[in-house]
C-alpha atoms as a PDB file:
ATOM      1  CA  UNK A   1       0.000   0.000   0.000  1.00  0.00           C
ATOM      2  CA  UNK A   2       1.576   3.346  -1.043  1.00  0.00           C
ATOM      3  CA  UNK A   3       2.375   5.740   1.741  1.00  0.00           C
ATOM      4  CA  UNK A   4       1.073   9.300   1.844  1.00  0.00           C
ATOM      5  CA  UNK A   5       4.541  10.620   0.867  1.00  0.00           C
ATOM      6  CA  UNK A   6       4.712   8.244  -2.096  1.00  0.00           C
ATOM      7  CA  UNK A   7       1.209   9.260  -3.220  1.00  0.00           C
ATOM      8  CA  UNK A   8       2.186  12.934  -2.959  1.00  0.00           C
ATOM      9  CA  UNK A   9       5.399  12.296  -4.912  1.00  0.00           C
ATOM     10  CA  UNK A  10       3.505  10.418  -7.641  1.00  0.00           C
ATOM     11  CA  UNK A  11       0.889  13.171  -7.876  1.00  0.00           C
ATOM     12  CA  UNK A  12       3.654  15.792  -8.116  1.00  0.00           C
ATOM     13  CA  UNK A  13       5.439  13.846 -10.857  1.00  0.00           C
ATOM     14  CA  UNK A  14       2.228  13.432 -12.843  1.00  0.00           C
ATOM     15  CA  UNK A  15       1.391  17.114 -12.463  1.00  0.00           C
ATOM     16  CA  UNK A  16       4.954  18.056 -13.421  1.00  0.00           C
ATOM     17  CA  UNK A  17       4.793  15.836 -16.497  1.00  0.00           C
ATOM     18  CA  UNK A  18       1.481  17.391 -17.519  1.00  0.00           C
ATOM     19  CA  UNK A  19       2.956  20.877 -17.112  1.00  0.00           C
ATOM     20  CA  UNK A  20       6.053  19.979 -19.143  1.00  0.00           C
ATOM     21  CA  UNK A  21       3.842  18.580 -21.899  1.00  0.00           C
ATOM     22  CA  UNK A  22       1.661  21.677 -21.869  1.00  0.00           C
ATOM     23  CA  UNK A  23       4.685  23.964 -22.161  1.00  0.00           C
ATOM     24  CA  UNK A  24       6.257  21.890 -24.959  1.00  0.00           C
ATOM     25  CA  UNK A  25       3.794  23.435 -27.414  1.00  0.00           C
ATOM     26  CA  UNK A  26       4.204  26.679 -29.325  1.00  0.00           C
ATOM     27  CA  UNK A  27       1.255  29.038 -29.677  1.00  0.00           C
ATOM     28  CA  UNK A  28       1.153  31.080 -32.854  1.00  0.00           C
ATOM     29  CA  UNK A  29      -1.098  34.043 -33.611  1.00  0.00           C
ATOM     30  CA  UNK A  30      -1.924  35.907 -36.771  1.00  0.00           C
ATOM     31  CA  UNK A  31      -3.004  39.447 -35.947  1.00  0.00           C
ATOM     32  CA  UNK A  32      -5.777  40.762 -38.194  1.00  0.00           C
ATOM     33  CA  UNK A  33      -7.653  44.047 -38.518  1.00  0.00           C
ATOM     34  CA  UNK A  34     -10.480  42.636 -36.388  1.00  0.00           C
ATOM     35  CA  UNK A  35      -8.524  40.636 -33.793  1.00  0.00           C
ATOM     36  CA  UNK A  36      -6.243  37.607 -33.831  1.00  0.00           C
ATOM     37  CA  UNK A  37      -6.265  34.013 -35.045  1.00  0.00           C
ATOM     38  CA  UNK A  38      -4.437  31.556 -32.814  1.00  0.00           C
ATOM     39  CA  UNK A  39      -3.321  27.932 -33.001  1.00  0.00           C
ATOM     40  CA  UNK A  40      -0.863  25.660 -31.232  1.00  0.00           C
ATOM     41  CA  UNK A  41       1.758  23.345 -32.725  1.00  0.00           C
ATOM     42  CA  UNK A  42       4.214  20.908 -31.195  1.00  0.00           C
ATOM     43  CA  UNK A  43       7.734  22.259 -30.745  1.00  0.00           C
ATOM     44  CA  UNK A  44       9.224  19.589 -32.996  1.00  0.00           C
ATOM     45  CA  UNK A  45       7.119  20.461 -36.056  1.00  0.00           C
ATOM     46  CA  UNK A  46       9.250  21.969 -38.824  1.00  0.00           C
ATOM     47  CA  UNK A  47       7.805  25.108 -40.410  1.00  0.00           C
ATOM     48  CA  UNK A  48       7.906  24.600 -44.182  1.00  0.00           C
ATOM     49  CA  UNK A  49       6.014  27.770 -45.080  1.00  0.00           C
ATOM     50  CA  UNK A  50       4.245  30.617 -43.289  1.00  0.00           C
ATOM     51  CA  UNK A  51       2.168  33.216 -45.120  1.00  0.00           C
ATOM     52  CA  UNK A  52       0.379  35.254 -42.465  1.00  0.00           C
ATOM     53  CA  UNK A  53      -1.422  37.861 -44.558  1.00  0.00           C
ATOM     54  CA  UNK A  54      -5.117  37.580 -45.318  1.00  0.00           C
ATOM     55  CA  UNK A  55      -7.269  37.194 -47.420  1.00  0.00           C
ATOM     56  CA  UNK A  56      -5.752  33.677 -47.389  1.00  0.00           C
ATOM     57  CA  UNK A  57      -3.173  33.017 -44.677  1.00  0.00           C
ATOM     58  CA  UNK A  58      -1.403  29.652 -44.635  1.00  0.00           C
ATOM     59  CA  UNK A  59       0.977  27.699 -42.428  1.00  0.00           C
ATOM     60  CA  UNK A  60       2.626  24.438 -43.521  1.00  0.00           C
ATOM     61  CA  UNK A  61       4.357  22.075 -41.088  1.00  0.00           C
ATOM     62  CA  UNK A  62       6.210  18.777 -41.343  1.00  0.00           C
ATOM     63  CA  UNK A  63       5.697  16.456 -38.392  1.00  0.00           C
ATOM     64  CA  UNK A  64       8.657  14.284 -37.439  1.00  0.00           C
ATOM     65  CA  UNK A  65       8.483  10.557 -38.140  1.00  0.00           C
ATOM     66  CA  UNK A  66      11.647   8.429 -37.871  1.00  0.00           C
ATOM     67  CA  UNK A  67      10.160   6.003 -40.422  1.00  0.00           C
ATOM     68  CA  UNK A  68      10.228   8.575 -43.230  1.00  0.00           C
ATOM     69  CA  UNK A  69      13.929   9.461 -42.960  1.00  0.00           C
ATOM     70  CA  UNK A  70      15.709   9.053 -46.278  1.00  0.00           C
ATOM     71  CA  UNK A  71      12.409   8.572 -48.120  1.00  0.00           C
ATOM     72  CA  UNK A  72      10.379  10.892 -50.326  1.00  0.00           C
ATOM     73  CA  UNK A  73       7.446  10.539 -47.891  1.00  0.00           C
ATOM     74  CA  UNK A  74       6.529  12.787 -44.973  1.00  0.00           C
ATOM     75  CA  UNK A  75       3.742  13.685 -42.567  1.00  0.00           C
ATOM     76  CA  UNK A  76       2.474  17.208 -43.230  1.00  0.00           C
ATOM     77  CA  UNK A  77      -0.106  19.542 -41.761  1.00  0.00           C
ATOM     78  CA  UNK A  78      -1.476  22.625 -43.535  1.00  0.00           C
ATOM     79  CA  UNK A  79      -3.659  25.290 -41.916  1.00  0.00           C
ATOM     80  CA  UNK A  80      -5.356  28.064 -43.886  1.00  0.00           C
ATOM     81  CA  UNK A  81      -7.462  31.007 -42.750  1.00  0.00           C
ATOM     82  CA  UNK A  82      -9.819  32.744 -45.191  1.00  0.00           C
ATOM     83  CA  UNK A  83     -11.236  36.261 -44.941  1.00  0.00           C
ATOM     84  CA  UNK A  84     -14.730  35.722 -46.341  1.00  0.00           C
ATOM     85  CA  UNK A  85     -15.264  39.484 -46.667  1.00  0.00           C
ATOM     86  CA  UNK A  86     -12.993  39.378 -49.727  1.00  0.00           C
ATOM     87  CA  UNK A  87     -13.546  37.779 -53.133  1.00  0.00           C
ATOM     88  CA  UNK A  88     -10.176  36.000 -52.949  1.00  0.00           C
ATOM     89  CA  UNK A  89     -10.905  34.572 -49.504  1.00  0.00           C
ATOM     90  CA  UNK A  90     -14.447  33.480 -50.410  1.00  0.00           C
ATOM     91  CA  UNK A  91     -13.351  31.919 -53.720  1.00  0.00           C
ATOM     92  CA  UNK A  92     -10.510  29.966 -52.091  1.00  0.00           C
ATOM     93  CA  UNK A  93     -12.693  28.705 -49.212  1.00  0.00           C
ATOM     94  CA  UNK A  94     -15.495  27.631 -51.555  1.00  0.00           C
ATOM     95  CA  UNK A  95     -13.251  25.121 -53.371  1.00  0.00           C
ATOM     96  CA  UNK A  96     -14.596  21.676 -52.395  1.00  0.00           C
ATOM     97  CA  UNK A  97     -12.424  18.998 -50.800  1.00  0.00           C
ATOM     98  CA  UNK A  98     -10.686  17.075 -53.565  1.00  0.00           C
ATOM     99  CA  UNK A  99     -11.286  13.339 -53.893  1.00  0.00           C
ATOM    100  CA  UNK A 100      -7.952  11.546 -54.399  1.00  0.00           C
ATOM    101  CA  UNK A 101      -8.914   7.874 -54.516  1.00  0.00           C
ATOM    102  CA  UNK A 102     -11.742   5.979 -56.152  1.00  0.00           C
ATOM    103  CA  UNK A 103     -13.958   6.380 -53.059  1.00  0.00           C
ATOM    104  CA  UNK A 104     -15.532   9.642 -51.940  1.00  0.00           C
ATOM    105  CA  UNK A 105     -14.163  10.973 -48.631  1.00  0.00           C
ATOM    106  CA  UNK A 106     -16.070   9.925 -45.510  1.00  0.00           C
ATOM    107  CA  UNK A 107     -17.293  12.850 -43.439  1.00  0.00           C
ATOM    108  CA  UNK A 108     -17.725  13.363 -39.719  1.00  0.00           C
ATOM    109  CA  UNK A 109     -18.395  16.370 -37.514  1.00  0.00           C
ATOM    110  CA  UNK A 110     -16.125  17.098 -34.575  1.00  0.00           C
ATOM    111  CA  UNK A 111     -17.146  20.177 -32.604  1.00  0.00           C
ATOM    112  CA  UNK A 112     -17.162  23.104 -35.070  1.00  0.00           C
ATOM    113  CA  UNK A 113     -15.197  21.170 -37.716  1.00  0.00           C
ATOM    114  CA  UNK A 114     -16.307  18.922 -40.569  1.00  0.00           C
ATOM    115  CA  UNK A 115     -13.627  16.312 -41.290  1.00  0.00           C
ATOM    116  CA  UNK A 116     -13.267  14.537 -44.632  1.00  0.00           C
ATOM    117  CA  UNK A 117     -11.322  11.269 -44.397  1.00  0.00           C
ATOM    118  CA  UNK A 118      -9.788   9.381 -47.307  1.00  0.00           C
ATOM    119  CA  UNK A 119      -6.839   7.254 -48.349  1.00  0.00           C
ATOM    120  CA  UNK A 120      -4.908   7.572 -51.584  1.00  0.00           C
ATOM    121  CA  UNK A 121      -1.636   6.584 -53.183  1.00  0.00           C
ATOM    122  CA  UNK A 122       1.209   9.014 -53.660  1.00  0.00           C
ATOM    123  CA  UNK A 123       3.598   7.112 -55.855  1.00  0.00           C
ATOM    124  CA  UNK A 124       3.701   3.640 -54.307  1.00  0.00           C
ATOM    125  CA  UNK A 125       2.882   4.836 -50.778  1.00  0.00           C
ATOM    126  CA  UNK A 126      -0.613   4.833 -49.294  1.00  0.00           C
ATOM    127  CA  UNK A 127      -1.494   8.000 -47.349  1.00  0.00           C
ATOM    128  CA  UNK A 128      -4.305   8.843 -44.969  1.00  0.00           C
ATOM    129  CA  UNK A 129      -5.607  12.343 -45.680  1.00  0.00           C
ATOM    130  CA  UNK A 130      -7.786  14.256 -43.229  1.00  0.00           C
ATOM    131  CA  UNK A 131      -9.248  17.534 -44.492  1.00  0.00           C
ATOM    132  CA  UNK A 132     -11.116  19.687 -41.975  1.00  0.00           C
ATOM    133  CA  UNK A 133     -13.293  22.744 -42.578  1.00  0.00           C
ATOM    134  CA  UNK A 134     -14.611  25.260 -40.067  1.00  0.00           C
ATOM    135  CA  UNK A 135     -17.054  27.870 -41.312  1.00  0.00           C
ATOM    136  CA  UNK A 136     -16.343  30.477 -38.642  1.00  0.00           C
ATOM    137  CA  UNK A 137     -13.298  30.773 -36.427  1.00  0.00           C
ATOM    138  CA  UNK A 138     -14.289  34.077 -34.848  1.00  0.00           C
ATOM    139  CA  UNK A 139     -18.031  34.660 -34.603  1.00  0.00           C
ATOM    140  CA  UNK A 140     -18.359  38.046 -36.251  1.00  0.00           C
ATOM    141  CA  UNK A 141     -15.012  38.394 -38.032  1.00  0.00           C
ATOM    142  CA  UNK A 142     -16.160  36.278 -41.008  1.00  0.00           C
ATOM    143  CA  UNK A 143     -12.971  34.192 -40.955  1.00  0.00           C
ATOM    144  CA  UNK A 144     -13.091  30.507 -41.913  1.00  0.00           C
ATOM    145  CA  UNK A 145     -10.406  27.833 -41.707  1.00  0.00           C
ATOM    146  CA  UNK A 146      -9.294  24.593 -43.303  1.00  0.00           C
ATOM    147  CA  UNK A 147      -6.684  22.132 -42.094  1.00  0.00           C
ATOM    148  CA  UNK A 148      -5.170  19.070 -43.721  1.00  0.00           C
ATOM    149  CA  UNK A 149      -3.113  16.317 -42.151  1.00  0.00           C
ATOM    150  CA  UNK A 150      -1.620  13.707 -44.479  1.00  0.00           C
ATOM    151  CA  UNK A 151       0.611  10.861 -43.356  1.00  0.00           C
ATOM    152  CA  UNK A 152       2.205   7.900 -45.126  1.00  0.00           C
ATOM    153  CA  UNK A 153       1.659   4.259 -44.217  1.00  0.00           C
ATOM    154  CA  UNK A 154       5.278   3.122 -43.914  1.00  0.00           C
ATOM    155  CA  UNK A 155       6.706  -0.205 -42.757  1.00  0.00           C
ATOM    156  CA  UNK A 156       8.701   1.538 -40.044  1.00  0.00           C
ATOM    157  CA  UNK A 157       5.790   3.548 -38.605  1.00  0.00           C
ATOM    158  CA  UNK A 158       5.250   3.117 -34.886  1.00  0.00           C
ATOM    159  CA  UNK A 159       2.642   0.480 -34.087  1.00  0.00           C
ATOM    160  CA  UNK A 160      -0.054   3.030 -33.204  1.00  0.00           C
ATOM    161  CA  UNK A 161       1.073   5.789 -35.574  1.00  0.00           C
ATOM    162  CA  UNK A 162      -2.393   6.177 -37.133  1.00  0.00           C
ATOM    163  CA  UNK A 163      -3.998   6.570 -33.696  1.00  0.00           C
ATOM    164  CA  UNK A 164      -1.322   9.090 -32.704  1.00  0.00           C
ATOM    165  CA  UNK A 165      -1.885  11.134 -35.872  1.00  0.00           C
ATOM    166  CA  UNK A 166      -5.654  11.197 -35.296  1.00  0.00           C
ATOM    167  CA  UNK A 167      -5.120  12.417 -31.719  1.00  0.00           C
ATOM    168  CA  UNK A 168      -2.601  15.077 -32.778  1.00  0.00           C
ATOM    169  CA  UNK A 169      -4.963  16.358 -35.465  1.00  0.00           C
ATOM    170  CA  UNK A 170      -7.880  16.670 -33.047  1.00  0.00           C
ATOM    171  CA  UNK A 171      -5.649  18.408 -30.503  1.00  0.00           C
ATOM    172  CA  UNK A 172      -4.503  20.797 -33.219  1.00  0.00           C
ATOM    173  CA  UNK A 173      -8.066  21.519 -34.401  1.00  0.00           C
ATOM    174  CA  UNK A 174      -9.118  22.231 -30.809  1.00  0.00           C
ATOM    175  CA  UNK A 175      -6.321  24.803 -30.555  1.00  0.00           C
ATOM    176  CA  UNK A 176      -7.560  26.915 -33.489  1.00  0.00           C
ATOM    177  CA  UNK A 177      -9.240  30.011 -32.029  1.00  0.00           C
ATOM    178  CA  UNK A 178     -10.351  33.455 -33.059  1.00  0.00           C
ATOM    179  CA  UNK A 179     -10.182  36.509 -30.825  1.00  0.00           C
ATOM    180  CA  UNK A 180     -12.116  39.655 -31.691  1.00  0.00           C
ATOM    181  CA  UNK A 181     -11.195  43.206 -30.778  1.00  0.00           C
ATOM    182  CA  UNK A 182      -7.963  45.175 -30.618  1.00  0.00           C
ATOM    183  CA  UNK A 183      -5.025  42.869 -30.033  1.00  0.00           C
ATOM    184  CA  UNK A 184      -3.168  43.246 -26.735  1.00  0.00           C
ATOM    185  CA  UNK A 185       0.283  41.715 -26.595  1.00  0.00           C
ATOM    186  CA  UNK A 186       0.636  39.152 -23.815  1.00  0.00           C
ATOM    187  CA  UNK A 187       3.572  39.006 -21.425  1.00  0.00           C
ATOM    188  CA  UNK A 188       6.478  36.906 -22.804  1.00  0.00           C
ATOM    189  CA  UNK A 189       5.034  37.089 -26.328  1.00  0.00           C
ATOM    190  CA  UNK A 190       7.333  37.757 -29.266  1.00  0.00           C
ATOM    191  CA  UNK A 191       5.786  39.530 -32.245  1.00  0.00           C
ATOM    192  CA  UNK A 192       7.342  38.967 -35.651  1.00  0.00           C
ATOM    193  CA  UNK A 193       6.092  40.757 -38.706  1.00  0.00           C
ATOM    194  CA  UNK A 194       6.233  39.293 -42.211  1.00  0.00           C
ATOM    195  CA  UNK A 195       8.725  40.825 -44.614  1.00  0.00           C
ATOM    196  CA  UNK A 196       7.168  43.702 -46.525  1.00  0.00           C
END
């Protein structure tokens, strides 16, 4: 039977681990004329591209996977925000989800997101592709979002890699937020502006 000290130590370790995990993420914000758009990524995601200006802002990340080293395959996540008050933003958001395989994507609703699930070949490698759409990120700002996570089915993938990718995608989608009103810089925040 664990002693009170051991129980306290275990609780402290679990709490400490949870705090370390929570602080291992990086929160990113795109400041707009009507507020800010925020999302959180894992610290080990490589930024492949970041275009933070609306009417269509985009961020592209590569998620690490030891199984894809020295291959042409990779796990990637793309997030886009669309300003629906503009023709360019509306036109880009209205493009339907593309069907890659012979079967139409399966759809499901998760909170404010609609997720389209499909599998397709890229070269000789089968990929799972999850496309998500959210009609409004900030209630009255008229900003919508899409996100795509695509990962390869590789021999060297961890045993539960698919389950892990699903969980990471849902965690990511839950992090996407819109804040209305004048933006106020938070303590310890670093603001970087895109090159003009």
